[in-house]
C-alpha atoms as a PDB file:
ATOM      1  CA  MET A   1     -13.235 -38.147  18.382  1.00  0.00           C
ATOM      2  CA  GLU A   2     -11.102 -35.471  20.028  1.00  0.00           C
ATOM      3  CA  THR A   3     -12.194 -31.893  20.291  1.00  0.00           C
ATOM      4  CA  GLN A   4      -9.962 -28.876  19.757  1.00  0.00           C
ATOM      5  CA  ASP A   5      -9.769 -28.354  23.554  1.00  0.00           C
ATOM      6  CA  SER A   6      -8.301 -31.800  24.140  1.00  0.00           C
ATOM      7  CA  GLU A   7      -5.795 -31.267  21.299  1.00  0.00           C
ATOM      8  CA  GLU A   8      -4.625 -28.018  22.894  1.00  0.00           C
ATOM      9  CA  ARG A   9      -3.962 -29.822  26.179  1.00  0.00           C
ATOM     10  CA  HIS A  10      -1.379 -31.976  24.386  1.00  0.00           C
ATOM     11  CA  ASP A  11       0.658 -28.910  23.351  1.00  0.00           C
ATOM     12  CA  THR A  12       3.920 -28.448  25.214  1.00  0.00           C
ATOM     13  CA  ILE A  13       3.422 -24.673  25.405  1.00  0.00           C
ATOM     14  CA  ILE A  14       0.031 -23.000  25.441  1.00  0.00           C
ATOM     15  CA  TYR A  15       0.755 -19.761  23.623  1.00  0.00           C
ATOM     16  CA  ASP A  16      -2.383 -18.020  24.910  1.00  0.00           C
ATOM     17  CA  SER A  17      -1.122 -18.219  28.495  1.00  0.00           C
ATOM     18  CA  THR A  18       1.010 -15.478  30.080  1.00  0.00           C
ATOM     19  CA  VAL A  19       4.092 -17.711  30.120  1.00  0.00           C
ATOM     20  CA  GLY A  20       3.447 -18.841  26.544  1.00  0.00           C
ATOM     21  CA  GLN A  21       3.257 -15.245  25.329  1.00  0.00           C
ATOM     22  CA  ARG A  22       6.572 -14.417  27.045  1.00  0.00           C
ATOM     23  CA  LEU A  23       8.255 -17.505  25.569  1.00  0.00           C
ATOM     24  CA  SER A  24       6.972 -16.847  22.059  1.00  0.00           C
ATOM     25  CA  GLY A  25       8.310 -13.290  22.295  1.00  0.00           C
ATOM     26  CA  MET A  26      11.763 -14.677  23.058  1.00  0.00           C
ATOM     27  CA  ARG A  27      11.875 -16.869  19.950  1.00  0.00           C
ATOM     28  CA  LYS A  28      13.677 -15.381  16.997  1.00  0.00           C
ATOM     29  CA  PRO A  29      12.618 -16.804  13.657  1.00  0.00           C
ATOM     30  CA  GLY A  30      15.395 -18.162  11.518  1.00  0.00           C
ATOM     31  CA  THR A  31      18.910 -19.376  12.156  1.00  0.00           C
ATOM     32  CA  THR A  32      22.339 -17.824  11.743  1.00  0.00           C
ATOM     33  CA  TYR A  33      24.774 -19.800   9.584  1.00  0.00           C
ATOM     34  CA  ILE A  34      28.348 -19.773   8.404  1.00  0.00           C
ATOM     35  CA  VAL A  35      28.236 -20.085   4.620  1.00  0.00           C
ATOM     36  CA  PHE A  36      31.260 -21.241   2.593  1.00  0.00           C
ATOM     37  CA  GLN A  37      31.946 -23.161  -0.614  1.00  0.00           C
ATOM     38  CA  GLY A  38      28.236 -23.897  -1.087  1.00  0.00           C
ATOM     39  CA  ASN A  39      27.879 -25.228   2.482  1.00  0.00           C
ATOM     40  CA  LYS A  40      25.685 -23.838   5.251  1.00  0.00           C
ATOM     41  CA  VAL A  41      26.607 -24.664   8.882  1.00  0.00           C
ATOM     42  CA  PRO A  42      24.295 -23.424  11.661  1.00  0.00           C
ATOM     43  CA  ILE A  43      25.926 -21.645  14.586  1.00  0.00           C
ATOM     44  CA  VAL A  44      24.302 -23.307  17.557  1.00  0.00           C
ATOM     45  CA  ARG A  45      26.922 -22.902  20.269  1.00  0.00           C
ATOM     46  CA  ARG A  46      30.510 -23.310  19.138  1.00  0.00           C
ATOM     47  CA  LEU A  47      32.133 -24.093  15.785  1.00  0.00           C
ATOM     48  CA  THR A  48      35.793 -24.964  15.435  1.00  0.00           C
ATOM     49  CA  ILE A  49      37.526 -24.232  12.137  1.00  0.00           C
ATOM     50  CA  GLY A  50      40.762 -25.810  10.992  1.00  0.00           C
ATOM     51  CA  ARG A  51      42.564 -28.414   8.930  1.00  0.00           C
ATOM     52  CA  ASP A  52      42.006 -31.117  11.574  1.00  0.00           C
ATOM     53  CA  HIS A  53      39.273 -33.566  10.542  1.00  0.00           C
ATOM     54  CA  LYS A  54      37.777 -33.232  14.059  1.00  0.00           C
ATOM     55  CA  SER A  55      36.948 -29.560  13.424  1.00  0.00           C
ATOM     56  CA  SER A  56      33.313 -28.530  12.971  1.00  0.00           C
ATOM     57  CA  ILE A  57      34.395 -26.938   9.674  1.00  0.00           C
ATOM     58  CA  THR A  58      37.348 -28.686   8.057  1.00  0.00           C
ATOM     59  CA  LEU A  59      39.258 -26.715   5.427  1.00  0.00           C
ATOM     60  CA  ASP A  60      41.698 -28.650   3.251  1.00  0.00           C
ATOM     61  CA  ASP A  61      44.191 -25.844   2.753  1.00  0.00           C
ATOM     62  CA  LYS A  62      47.880 -25.711   3.726  1.00  0.00           C
ATOM     63  CA  LEU A  63      47.424 -22.050   4.762  1.00  0.00           C
ATOM     64  CA  VAL A  64      44.951 -23.149   7.471  1.00  0.00           C
ATOM     65  CA  SER A  65      46.256 -24.288  10.862  1.00  0.00           C
ATOM     66  CA  ARG A  66      45.015 -27.552  12.372  1.00  0.00           C
ATOM     67  CA  SER A  67      43.117 -25.553  15.016  1.00  0.00           C
ATOM     68  CA  HIS A  68      42.736 -22.202  13.309  1.00  0.00           C
ATOM     69  CA  ALA A  69      39.730 -20.364  14.761  1.00  0.00           C
ATOM     70  CA  VAL A  70      36.532 -20.762  16.729  1.00  0.00           C
ATOM     71  CA  ILE A  71      33.128 -19.118  16.259  1.00  0.00           C
ATOM     72  CA  GLN A  72      30.974 -19.058  19.335  1.00  0.00           C
ATOM     73  CA  LYS A  73      27.458 -17.937  20.191  1.00  0.00           C
ATOM     74  CA  ILE A  74      27.358 -16.013  23.461  1.00  0.00           C
ATOM     75  CA  LYS A  75      23.826 -15.018  24.417  1.00  0.00           C
ATOM     76  CA  ASP A  76      22.402 -13.505  21.204  1.00  0.00           C
ATOM     77  CA  ASP A  77      25.722 -12.487  19.652  1.00  0.00           C
ATOM     78  CA  PHE A  78      28.362 -14.344  17.628  1.00  0.00           C
ATOM     79  CA  TYR A  79      32.109 -14.028  18.151  1.00  0.00           C
ATOM     80  CA  ILE A  80      35.206 -15.287  16.365  1.00  0.00           C
ATOM     81  CA  GLN A  81      38.561 -15.984  17.962  1.00  0.00           C
ATOM     82  CA  ASP A  82      41.807 -16.702  16.143  1.00  0.00           C
ATOM     83  CA  LEU A  83      43.534 -19.573  17.963  1.00  0.00           C
ATOM     84  CA  HIS A  84      47.057 -18.187  17.386  1.00  0.00           C
ATOM     85  CA  SER A  85      47.074 -19.576  13.847  1.00  0.00           C
ATOM     86  CA  THR A  86      50.169 -19.287  11.671  1.00  0.00           C
ATOM     87  CA  ASN A  87      48.567 -17.196   8.899  1.00  0.00           C
ATOM     88  CA  GLY A  88      45.896 -15.364  10.864  1.00  0.00           C
ATOM     89  CA  THR A  89      42.165 -14.814  10.506  1.00  0.00           C
ATOM     90  CA  PHE A  90      40.676 -11.834   8.689  1.00  0.00           C
ATOM     91  CA  VAL A  91      37.243 -10.259   9.146  1.00  0.00           C
ATOM     92  CA  ASN A  92      36.194  -7.832   6.393  1.00  0.00           C
ATOM     93  CA  GLY A  93      39.808  -7.593   5.216  1.00  0.00           C
ATOM     94  CA  GLU A  94      41.302  -6.805   8.642  1.00  0.00           C
ATOM     95  CA  LYS A  95      43.494  -9.247  10.540  1.00  0.00           C
ATOM     96  CA  ILE A  96      42.044  -9.947  13.970  1.00  0.00           C
ATOM     97  CA  PRO A  97      44.331 -10.127  17.034  1.00  0.00           C
ATOM     98  CA  PRO A  98      45.098 -13.728  18.049  1.00  0.00           C
ATOM     99  CA  GLY A  99      43.258 -14.814  21.185  1.00  0.00           C
ATOM    100  CA  ASP A 100      40.772 -11.894  21.221  1.00  0.00           C
ATOM    101  CA  TYR A 101      37.050 -12.440  20.722  1.00  0.00           C
ATOM    102  CA  ILE A 102      35.744 -10.246  17.885  1.00  0.00           C
ATOM    103  CA  ARG A 103      31.988  -9.721  17.533  1.00  0.00           C
ATOM    104  CA  LEU A 104      30.555 -10.792  14.182  1.00  0.00           C
ATOM    105  CA  ARG A 105      27.697  -9.105  12.371  1.00  0.00           C
ATOM    106  CA  LEU A 106      25.464 -10.443   9.631  1.00  0.00           C
ATOM    107  CA  SER A 107      27.161 -10.417   6.224  1.00  0.00           C
ATOM    108  CA  ASP A 108      30.682 -10.164   7.704  1.00  0.00           C
ATOM    109  CA  VAL A 109      33.227 -11.905   5.473  1.00  0.00           C
ATOM    110  CA  ILE A 110      35.809 -14.102   7.188  1.00  0.00           C
ATOM    111  CA  LEU A 111      38.980 -15.159   5.372  1.00  0.00           C
ATOM    112  CA  ILE A 112      40.779 -18.243   6.651  1.00  0.00           C
ATOM    113  CA  GLY A 113      43.545 -19.414   4.368  1.00  0.00           C
ATOM    114  CA  ARG A 114      42.080 -19.129   0.858  1.00  0.00           C
ATOM    115  CA  THR A 115      38.503 -19.746   1.990  1.00  0.00           C
ATOM    116  CA  GLU A 116      35.915 -17.001   2.400  1.00  0.00           C
ATOM    117  CA  LEU A 117      33.177 -17.661   4.911  1.00  0.00           C
ATOM    118  CA  SER A 118      30.234 -15.364   5.574  1.00  0.00           C
ATOM    119  CA  VAL A 119      27.755 -14.901   8.382  1.00  0.00           C
ATOM    120  CA  SER A 120      24.164 -15.151   7.108  1.00  0.00           C
ATOM    121  CA  HIS A 121      20.691 -15.389   8.595  1.00  0.00           C
ATOM    122  CA  PHE A 122      17.986 -17.521   7.008  1.00  0.00           C
ATOM    123  CA  GLN A 123      14.286 -17.649   7.908  1.00  0.00           C
END
């Protein structure tokens, strides 16, 4: 029969320790997602968006370029970059400059071709 002390020794992080308290303070509950057409895709590092079936998010739309845009997590922020697509990428109704990284905020609406995508955070 194991005691509570021996169970705690099996934990990867002991949250009562100084290091454990610092690490638990760094964790942010929940995940940020791109939501579109009833789908939810977590933004972990980098998402590619395009018509190509190798894209992280594939959009079957003739107005979407094969490699249309990329969404990337850099530190704690999220950015979108239009990859010089034919029809452009829009954030909140404004066309973003091709090649520039534009910072995204929660509830921003992205329009690629005829598809609306939004940035959402779920607990």
